[in-house]
Amino acid sequence: VFKTIGMKGWLGCLISLFILFIVLGAVFWIG
């Protein structure tokens, strides 16, 4: 998936995980 969206290596993975945690945090906070 990271290659598909143009992200490479550990940096792309790290950015994706950060975004995932932000989204999940917002969902749990609203809940």
PDB file of all heavy atoms in Angstrom:
ATOM      1  N   VAL A   1       0.833  -1.195   0.000  1.00  0.00           N
ATOM      2  CA  VAL A   1       0.000   0.000   0.000  1.00  0.00           C
ATOM      3  C   VAL A   1       0.868   1.246   0.000  1.00  0.00           C
ATOM      4  O   VAL A   1       0.562   2.235  -0.648  1.00  0.00           O
ATOM      5  CB  VAL A   1      -0.934  -0.005   1.238  1.00  0.00           C
ATOM      6  CG1 VAL A   1      -1.693   1.301   1.350  1.00  0.00           C
ATOM      7  CG2 VAL A   1      -1.882  -1.178   1.166  1.00  0.00           C
ATOM      8  N   PHE A   2       1.993   1.201   0.710  1.00  0.00           N
ATOM      9  CA  PHE A   2       2.850   2.365   0.802  1.00  0.00           C
ATOM     10  C   PHE A   2       3.442   2.739  -0.553  1.00  0.00           C
ATOM     11  O   PHE A   2       3.598   3.910  -0.853  1.00  0.00           O
ATOM     12  CB  PHE A   2       3.965   2.135   1.825  1.00  0.00           C
ATOM     13  CG  PHE A   2       3.427   1.780   3.181  1.00  0.00           C
ATOM     14  CD1 PHE A   2       3.686   0.553   3.754  1.00  0.00           C
ATOM     15  CD2 PHE A   2       2.626   2.665   3.872  1.00  0.00           C
ATOM     16  CE1 PHE A   2       3.173   0.227   4.989  1.00  0.00           C
ATOM     17  CE2 PHE A   2       2.104   2.355   5.110  1.00  0.00           C
ATOM     18  CZ  PHE A   2       2.377   1.136   5.666  1.00  0.00           C
ATOM     19  N   LYS A   3       3.774   1.743  -1.377  1.00  0.00           N
ATOM     20  CA  LYS A   3       4.289   2.039  -2.713  1.00  0.00           C
ATOM     21  C   LYS A   3       3.186   2.604  -3.593  1.00  0.00           C
ATOM     22  O   LYS A   3       3.423   3.453  -4.427  1.00  0.00           O
ATOM     23  CB  LYS A   3       4.881   0.785  -3.353  1.00  0.00           C
ATOM     24  CG  LYS A   3       6.203   0.387  -2.750  1.00  0.00           C
ATOM     25  CD  LYS A   3       6.774  -0.816  -3.448  1.00  0.00           C
ATOM     26  CE  LYS A   3       8.079  -1.250  -2.810  1.00  0.00           C
ATOM     27  NZ  LYS A   3       8.605  -2.451  -3.432  1.00  0.00           N
ATOM     28  N   THR A   4       1.955   2.115  -3.410  1.00  0.00           N
ATOM     29  CA  THR A   4       0.828   2.580  -4.212  1.00  0.00           C
ATOM     30  C   THR A   4       0.577   4.062  -3.984  1.00  0.00           C
ATOM     31  O   THR A   4       0.315   4.804  -4.911  1.00  0.00           O
ATOM     32  CB  THR A   4      -0.439   1.777  -3.874  1.00  0.00           C
ATOM     33  OG1 THR A   4      -0.181   0.404  -4.121  1.00  0.00           O
ATOM     34  CG2 THR A   4      -1.615   2.237  -4.713  1.00  0.00           C
ATOM     35  N   ILE A   5       0.665   4.515  -2.723  1.00  0.00           N
ATOM     36  CA  ILE A   5       0.399   5.922  -2.444  1.00  0.00           C
ATOM     37  C   ILE A   5       1.667   6.769  -2.497  1.00  0.00           C
ATOM     38  O   ILE A   5       1.634   7.937  -2.175  1.00  0.00           O
ATOM     39  CB  ILE A   5      -0.323   6.101  -1.091  1.00  0.00           C
ATOM     40  CG1 ILE A   5       0.485   5.529   0.071  1.00  0.00           C
ATOM     41  CG2 ILE A   5      -1.712   5.522  -1.150  1.00  0.00           C
ATOM     42  CD1 ILE A   5      -0.134   5.746   1.429  1.00  0.00           C
ATOM     43  N   GLY A   6       2.773   6.188  -2.894  1.00  0.00           N
ATOM     44  CA  GLY A   6       3.991   6.940  -3.125  1.00  0.00           C
ATOM     45  C   GLY A   6       4.898   7.082  -1.917  1.00  0.00           C
ATOM     46  O   GLY A   6       5.821   7.864  -1.932  1.00  0.00           O
ATOM     47  N   MET A   7       4.616   6.360  -0.846  1.00  0.00           N
ATOM     48  CA  MET A   7       5.480   6.423   0.334  1.00  0.00           C
ATOM     49  C   MET A   7       6.427   5.239   0.312  1.00  0.00           C
ATOM     50  O   MET A   7       6.036   4.135   0.010  1.00  0.00           O
ATOM     51  CB  MET A   7       4.636   6.383   1.603  1.00  0.00           C
ATOM     52  CG  MET A   7       3.764   7.570   1.778  1.00  0.00           C
ATOM     53  SD  MET A   7       2.947   7.460   3.351  1.00  0.00           S
ATOM     54  CE  MET A   7       1.781   8.763   3.205  1.00  0.00           C
ATOM     55  N   LYS A   8       7.665   5.503   0.709  1.00  0.00           N
ATOM     56  CA  LYS A   8       8.660   4.446   0.656  1.00  0.00           C
ATOM     57  C   LYS A   8       9.223   4.187   2.045  1.00  0.00           C
ATOM     58  O   LYS A   8       9.423   5.105   2.822  1.00  0.00           O
ATOM     59  CB  LYS A   8       9.801   4.833  -0.270  1.00  0.00           C
ATOM     60  CG  LYS A   8       9.401   4.938  -1.693  1.00  0.00           C
ATOM     61  CD  LYS A   8      10.597   5.285  -2.527  1.00  0.00           C
ATOM     62  CE  LYS A   8      10.178   5.464  -3.964  1.00  0.00           C
ATOM     63  NZ  LYS A   8      11.272   5.865  -4.797  1.00  0.00           N
ATOM     64  N   GLY A   9       9.490   2.938   2.325  1.00  0.00           N
ATOM     65  CA  GLY A   9      10.246   2.536   3.493  1.00  0.00           C
ATOM     66  C   GLY A   9       9.613   2.854   4.822  1.00  0.00           C
ATOM     67  O   GLY A   9       8.402   3.001   4.951  1.00  0.00           O
ATOM     68  N   TRP A  10      10.465   3.004   5.821  1.00  0.00           N
ATOM     69  CA  TRP A  10       9.998   3.176   7.184  1.00  0.00           C
ATOM     70  C   TRP A  10       9.329   4.521   7.393  1.00  0.00           C
ATOM     71  O   TRP A  10       8.436   4.650   8.227  1.00  0.00           O
ATOM     72  CB  TRP A  10      11.163   2.998   8.164  1.00  0.00           C
ATOM     73  CG  TRP A  10      12.237   4.040   8.023  1.00  0.00           C
ATOM     74  CD1 TRP A  10      13.333   3.984   7.229  1.00  0.00           C
ATOM     75  CD2 TRP A  10      12.275   5.306   8.689  1.00  0.00           C
ATOM     76  NE1 TRP A  10      14.056   5.132   7.353  1.00  0.00           N
ATOM     77  CE2 TRP A  10      13.433   5.966   8.251  1.00  0.00           C
ATOM     78  CE3 TRP A  10      11.452   5.935   9.600  1.00  0.00           C
ATOM     79  CZ2 TRP A  10      13.772   7.236   8.697  1.00  0.00           C
ATOM     80  CZ3 TRP A  10      11.801   7.207  10.048  1.00  0.00           C
ATOM     81  CH2 TRP A  10      12.954   7.830   9.597  1.00  0.00           C
ATOM     82  N   LEU A  11       9.723   5.555   6.654  1.00  0.00           N
ATOM     83  CA  LEU A  11       9.105   6.867   6.820  1.00  0.00           C
ATOM     84  C   LEU A  11       7.630   6.832   6.417  1.00  0.00           C
ATOM     85  O   LEU A  11       6.772   7.351   7.130  1.00  0.00           O
ATOM     86  CB  LEU A  11       9.856   7.921   6.012  1.00  0.00           C
ATOM     87  CG  LEU A  11       9.324   9.353   6.131  1.00  0.00           C
ATOM     88  CD1 LEU A  11       9.400   9.817   7.584  1.00  0.00           C
ATOM     89  CD2 LEU A  11      10.116  10.287   5.243  1.00  0.00           C
ATOM     90  N   GLY A  12       7.332   6.195   5.300  1.00  0.00           N
ATOM     91  CA  GLY A  12       5.938   6.063   4.869  1.00  0.00           C
ATOM     92  C   GLY A  12       5.125   5.273   5.868  1.00  0.00           C
ATOM     93  O   GLY A  12       3.981   5.607   6.177  1.00  0.00           O
ATOM     94  N   CYS A  13       5.716   4.211   6.391  1.00  0.00           N
ATOM     95  CA  CYS A  13       5.043   3.389   7.391  1.00  0.00           C
ATOM     96  C   CYS A  13       4.790   4.199   8.656  1.00  0.00           C
ATOM     97  O   CYS A  13       3.706   4.146   9.237  1.00  0.00           O
ATOM     98  CB  CYS A  13       5.886   2.158   7.687  1.00  0.00           C
ATOM     99  SG  CYS A  13       5.096   0.984   8.794  1.00  0.00           S
ATOM    100  N   LEU A  14       5.775   4.961   9.087  1.00  0.00           N
ATOM    101  CA  LEU A  14       5.653   5.776  10.294  1.00  0.00           C
ATOM    102  C   LEU A  14       4.576   6.842  10.138  1.00  0.00           C
ATOM    103  O   LEU A  14       3.744   7.043  11.035  1.00  0.00           O
ATOM    104  CB  LEU A  14       7.008   6.423  10.621  1.00  0.00           C
ATOM    105  CG  LEU A  14       7.110   7.174  11.925  1.00  0.00           C
ATOM    106  CD1 LEU A  14       6.921   6.206  13.090  1.00  0.00           C
ATOM    107  CD2 LEU A  14       8.466   7.850  12.032  1.00  0.00           C
ATOM    108  N   ILE A  15       4.551   7.507   9.000  1.00  0.00           N
ATOM    109  CA  ILE A  15       3.533   8.529   8.738  1.00  0.00           C
ATOM    110  C   ILE A  15       2.145   7.898   8.713  1.00  0.00           C
ATOM    111  O   ILE A  15       1.191   8.436   9.284  1.00  0.00           O
ATOM    112  CB  ILE A  15       3.839   9.270   7.421  1.00  0.00           C
ATOM    113  CG1 ILE A  15       5.092  10.139   7.592  1.00  0.00           C
ATOM    114  CG2 ILE A  15       2.662  10.144   6.996  1.00  0.00           C
ATOM    115  CD1 ILE A  15       5.624  10.732   6.312  1.00  0.00           C
ATOM    116  N   SER A  16       2.023   6.752   8.077  1.00  0.00           N
ATOM    117  CA  SER A  16       0.725   6.071   8.015  1.00  0.00           C
ATOM    118  C   SER A  16       0.253   5.649   9.396  1.00  0.00           C
ATOM    119  O   SER A  16      -0.932   5.792   9.724  1.00  0.00           O
ATOM    120  CB  SER A  16       0.818   4.846   7.108  1.00  0.00           C
ATOM    121  OG  SER A  16       1.138   5.238   5.804  1.00  0.00           O
ATOM    122  N   LEU A  17       1.155   5.123  10.203  1.00  0.00           N
ATOM    123  CA  LEU A  17       0.779   4.734  11.566  1.00  0.00           C
ATOM    124  C   LEU A  17       0.380   5.947  12.397  1.00  0.00           C
ATOM    125  O   LEU A  17      -0.576   5.885  13.178  1.00  0.00           O
ATOM    126  CB  LEU A  17       1.927   3.974  12.237  1.00  0.00           C
ATOM    127  CG  LEU A  17       2.164   2.558  11.736  1.00  0.00           C
ATOM    128  CD1 LEU A  17       3.415   1.974  12.370  1.00  0.00           C
ATOM    129  CD2 LEU A  17       0.964   1.679  12.024  1.00  0.00           C
ATOM    130  N   PHE A  18       1.082   7.052  12.233  1.00  0.00           N
ATOM    131  CA  PHE A  18       0.732   8.279  12.950  1.00  0.00           C
ATOM    132  C   PHE A  18      -0.674   8.733  12.580  1.00  0.00           C
ATOM    133  O   PHE A  18      -1.485   9.070  13.448  1.00  0.00           O
ATOM    134  CB  PHE A  18       1.768   9.371  12.634  1.00  0.00           C
ATOM    135  CG  PHE A  18       1.496  10.671  13.317  1.00  0.00           C
ATOM    136  CD1 PHE A  18       1.722  10.816  14.669  1.00  0.00           C
ATOM    137  CD2 PHE A  18       1.012  11.758  12.596  1.00  0.00           C
ATOM    138  CE1 PHE A  18       1.460  12.018  15.309  1.00  0.00           C
ATOM    139  CE2 PHE A  18       0.750  12.956  13.221  1.00  0.00           C
ATOM    140  CZ  PHE A  18       0.970  13.095  14.585  1.00  0.00           C
ATOM    141  N   ILE A  19      -0.983   8.739  11.300  1.00  0.00           N
ATOM    142  CA  ILE A  19      -2.319   9.129  10.841  1.00  0.00           C
ATOM    143  C   ILE A  19      -3.378   8.164  11.383  1.00  0.00           C
ATOM    144  O   ILE A  19      -4.443   8.590  11.830  1.00  0.00           O
ATOM    145  CB  ILE A  19      -2.359   9.201   9.295  1.00  0.00           C
ATOM    146  CG1 ILE A  19      -1.505  10.373   8.818  1.00  0.00           C
ATOM    147  CG2 ILE A  19      -3.784   9.337   8.777  1.00  0.00           C
ATOM    148  CD1 ILE A  19      -1.266  10.411   7.323  1.00  0.00           C
ATOM    149  N   LEU A  20      -3.067   6.880  11.384  1.00  0.00           N
ATOM    150  CA  LEU A  20      -3.987   5.885  11.918  1.00  0.00           C
ATOM    151  C   LEU A  20      -4.271   6.132  13.394  1.00  0.00           C
ATOM    152  O   LEU A  20      -5.422   6.099  13.833  1.00  0.00           O
ATOM    153  CB  LEU A  20      -3.419   4.479  11.710  1.00  0.00           C
ATOM    154  CG  LEU A  20      -4.256   3.327  12.279  1.00  0.00           C
ATOM    155  CD1 LEU A  20      -5.543   3.180  11.482  1.00  0.00           C
ATOM    156  CD2 LEU A  20      -3.456   2.047  12.258  1.00  0.00           C
ATOM    157  N   PHE A  21      -3.235   6.422  14.176  1.00  0.00           N
ATOM    158  CA  PHE A  21      -3.432   6.693  15.608  1.00  0.00           C
ATOM    159  C   PHE A  21      -4.237   7.972  15.833  1.00  0.00           C
ATOM    160  O   PHE A  21      -5.064   8.040  16.736  1.00  0.00           O
ATOM    161  CB  PHE A  21      -2.088   6.765  16.336  1.00  0.00           C
ATOM    162  CG  PHE A  21      -1.476   5.420  16.575  1.00  0.00           C
ATOM    163  CD1 PHE A  21      -0.161   5.184  16.213  1.00  0.00           C
ATOM    164  CD2 PHE A  21      -2.192   4.377  17.145  1.00  0.00           C
ATOM    165  CE1 PHE A  21       0.421   3.939  16.424  1.00  0.00           C
ATOM    166  CE2 PHE A  21      -1.625   3.132  17.351  1.00  0.00           C
ATOM    167  CZ  PHE A  21      -0.316   2.916  16.995  1.00  0.00           C
ATOM    168  N   ILE A  22      -4.022   8.982  15.028  1.00  0.00           N
ATOM    169  CA  ILE A  22      -4.795  10.225  15.142  1.00  0.00           C
ATOM    170  C   ILE A  22      -6.274   9.944  14.885  1.00  0.00           C
ATOM    171  O   ILE A  22      -7.146  10.381  15.638  1.00  0.00           O
ATOM    172  CB  ILE A  22      -4.272  11.291  14.139  1.00  0.00           C
ATOM    173  CG1 ILE A  22      -2.848  11.676  14.449  1.00  0.00           C
ATOM    174  CG2 ILE A  22      -5.193  12.493  14.083  1.00  0.00           C
ATOM    175  CD1 ILE A  22      -2.673  12.725  15.497  1.00  0.00           C
ATOM    176  N   VAL A  23      -6.561   9.215  13.817  1.00  0.00           N
ATOM    177  CA  VAL A  23      -7.951   8.898  13.468  1.00  0.00           C
ATOM    178  C   VAL A  23      -8.601   8.041  14.550  1.00  0.00           C
ATOM    179  O   VAL A  23      -9.723   8.326  14.995  1.00  0.00           O
ATOM    180  CB  VAL A  23      -8.021   8.208  12.082  1.00  0.00           C
ATOM    181  CG1 VAL A  23      -9.401   7.644  11.812  1.00  0.00           C
ATOM    182  CG2 VAL A  23      -7.619   9.181  10.991  1.00  0.00           C
ATOM    183  N   LEU A  24      -7.906   7.001  14.996  1.00  0.00           N
ATOM    184  CA  LEU A  24      -8.465   6.150  16.050  1.00  0.00           C
ATOM    185  C   LEU A  24      -8.657   6.925  17.351  1.00  0.00           C
ATOM    186  O   LEU A  24      -9.666   6.742  18.051  1.00  0.00           O
ATOM    187  CB  LEU A  24      -7.565   4.930  16.285  1.00  0.00           C
ATOM    188  CG  LEU A  24      -7.598   3.857  15.205  1.00  0.00           C
ATOM    189  CD1 LEU A  24      -6.587   2.757  15.520  1.00  0.00           C
ATOM    190  CD2 LEU A  24      -8.982   3.267  15.057  1.00  0.00           C
ATOM    191  N   GLY A  25      -7.722   7.788  17.695  1.00  0.00           N
ATOM    192  CA  GLY A  25      -7.864   8.615  18.889  1.00  0.00           C
ATOM    193  C   GLY A  25      -9.080   9.514  18.808  1.00  0.00           C
ATOM    194  O   GLY A  25      -9.833   9.659  19.782  1.00  0.00           O
ATOM    195  N   ALA A  26      -9.300  10.124  17.649  1.00  0.00           N
ATOM    196  CA  ALA A  26     -10.471  10.984  17.466  1.00  0.00           C
ATOM    197  C   ALA A  26     -11.758  10.182  17.598  1.00  0.00           C
ATOM    198  O   ALA A  26     -12.729  10.632  18.226  1.00  0.00           O
ATOM    199  CB  ALA A  26     -10.403  11.676  16.105  1.00  0.00           C
ATOM    200  N   VAL A  27     -11.793   8.985  17.032  1.00  0.00           N
ATOM    201  CA  VAL A  27     -12.995   8.142  17.119  1.00  0.00           C
ATOM    202  C   VAL A  27     -13.272   7.765  18.574  1.00  0.00           C
ATOM    203  O   VAL A  27     -14.410   7.863  19.047  1.00  0.00           O
ATOM    204  CB  VAL A  27     -12.829   6.878  16.231  1.00  0.00           C
ATOM    205  CG1 VAL A  27     -13.896   5.847  16.538  1.00  0.00           C
ATOM    206  CG2 VAL A  27     -12.862   7.261  14.763  1.00  0.00           C
ATOM    207  N   PHE A  28     -12.248   7.352  19.306  1.00  0.00           N
ATOM    208  CA  PHE A  28     -12.441   6.982  20.710  1.00  0.00           C
ATOM    209  C   PHE A  28     -12.817   8.198  21.565  1.00  0.00           C
ATOM    210  O   PHE A  28     -13.622   8.090  22.479  1.00  0.00           O
ATOM    211  CB  PHE A  28     -11.195   6.289  21.272  1.00  0.00           C
ATOM    212  CG  PHE A  28     -11.069   4.868  20.812  1.00  0.00           C
ATOM    213  CD1 PHE A  28      -9.934   4.455  20.124  1.00  0.00           C
ATOM    214  CD2 PHE A  28     -12.069   3.943  21.050  1.00  0.00           C
ATOM    215  CE1 PHE A  28      -9.817   3.139  19.694  1.00  0.00           C
ATOM    216  CE2 PHE A  28     -11.961   2.635  20.618  1.00  0.00           C
ATOM    217  CZ  PHE A  28     -10.835   2.234  19.940  1.00  0.00           C
ATOM    218  N   TRP A  29     -12.254   9.349  21.275  1.00  0.00           N
ATOM    219  CA  TRP A  29     -12.577  10.557  22.019  1.00  0.00           C
ATOM    220  C   TRP A  29     -14.049  10.939  21.823  1.00  0.00           C
ATOM    221  O   TRP A  29     -14.748  11.254  22.776  1.00  0.00           O
ATOM    222  CB  TRP A  29     -11.648  11.691  21.565  1.00  0.00           C
ATOM    223  CG  TRP A  29     -11.857  12.980  22.289  1.00  0.00           C
ATOM    224  CD1 TRP A  29     -11.530  13.273  23.572  1.00  0.00           C
ATOM    225  CD2 TRP A  29     -12.444  14.159  21.748  1.00  0.00           C
ATOM    226  NE1 TRP A  29     -11.869  14.563  23.868  1.00  0.00           N
ATOM    227  CE2 TRP A  29     -12.437  15.130  22.763  1.00  0.00           C
ATOM    228  CE3 TRP A  29     -12.969  14.488  20.502  1.00  0.00           C
ATOM    229  CZ2 TRP A  29     -12.950  16.405  22.564  1.00  0.00           C
ATOM    230  CZ3 TRP A  29     -13.458  15.755  20.316  1.00  0.00           C
ATOM    231  CH2 TRP A  29     -13.451  16.704  21.338  1.00  0.00           C
ATOM    232  N   ILE A  30     -14.505  10.900  20.574  1.00  0.00           N
ATOM    233  CA  ILE A  30     -15.907  11.200  20.275  1.00  0.00           C
ATOM    234  C   ILE A  30     -16.811  10.165  20.934  1.00  0.00           C
ATOM    235  O   ILE A  30     -17.865  10.495  21.489  1.00  0.00           O
ATOM    236  CB  ILE A  30     -16.131  11.270  18.744  1.00  0.00           C
ATOM    237  CG1 ILE A  30     -15.431  12.506  18.188  1.00  0.00           C
ATOM    238  CG2 ILE A  30     -17.613  11.286  18.404  1.00  0.00           C
ATOM    239  CD1 ILE A  30     -15.374  12.563  16.672  1.00  0.00           C
ATOM    240  N   GLY A  31     -16.400   8.902  20.906  1.00  0.00           N
ATOM    241  CA  GLY A  31     -17.177   7.851  21.565  1.00  0.00           C
ATOM    242  C   GLY A  31     -17.253   8.057  23.062  1.00  0.00           C
ATOM    243  O   GLY A  31     -18.306   7.841  23.676  1.00  0.00           O
TER     244      GLY A  31
END
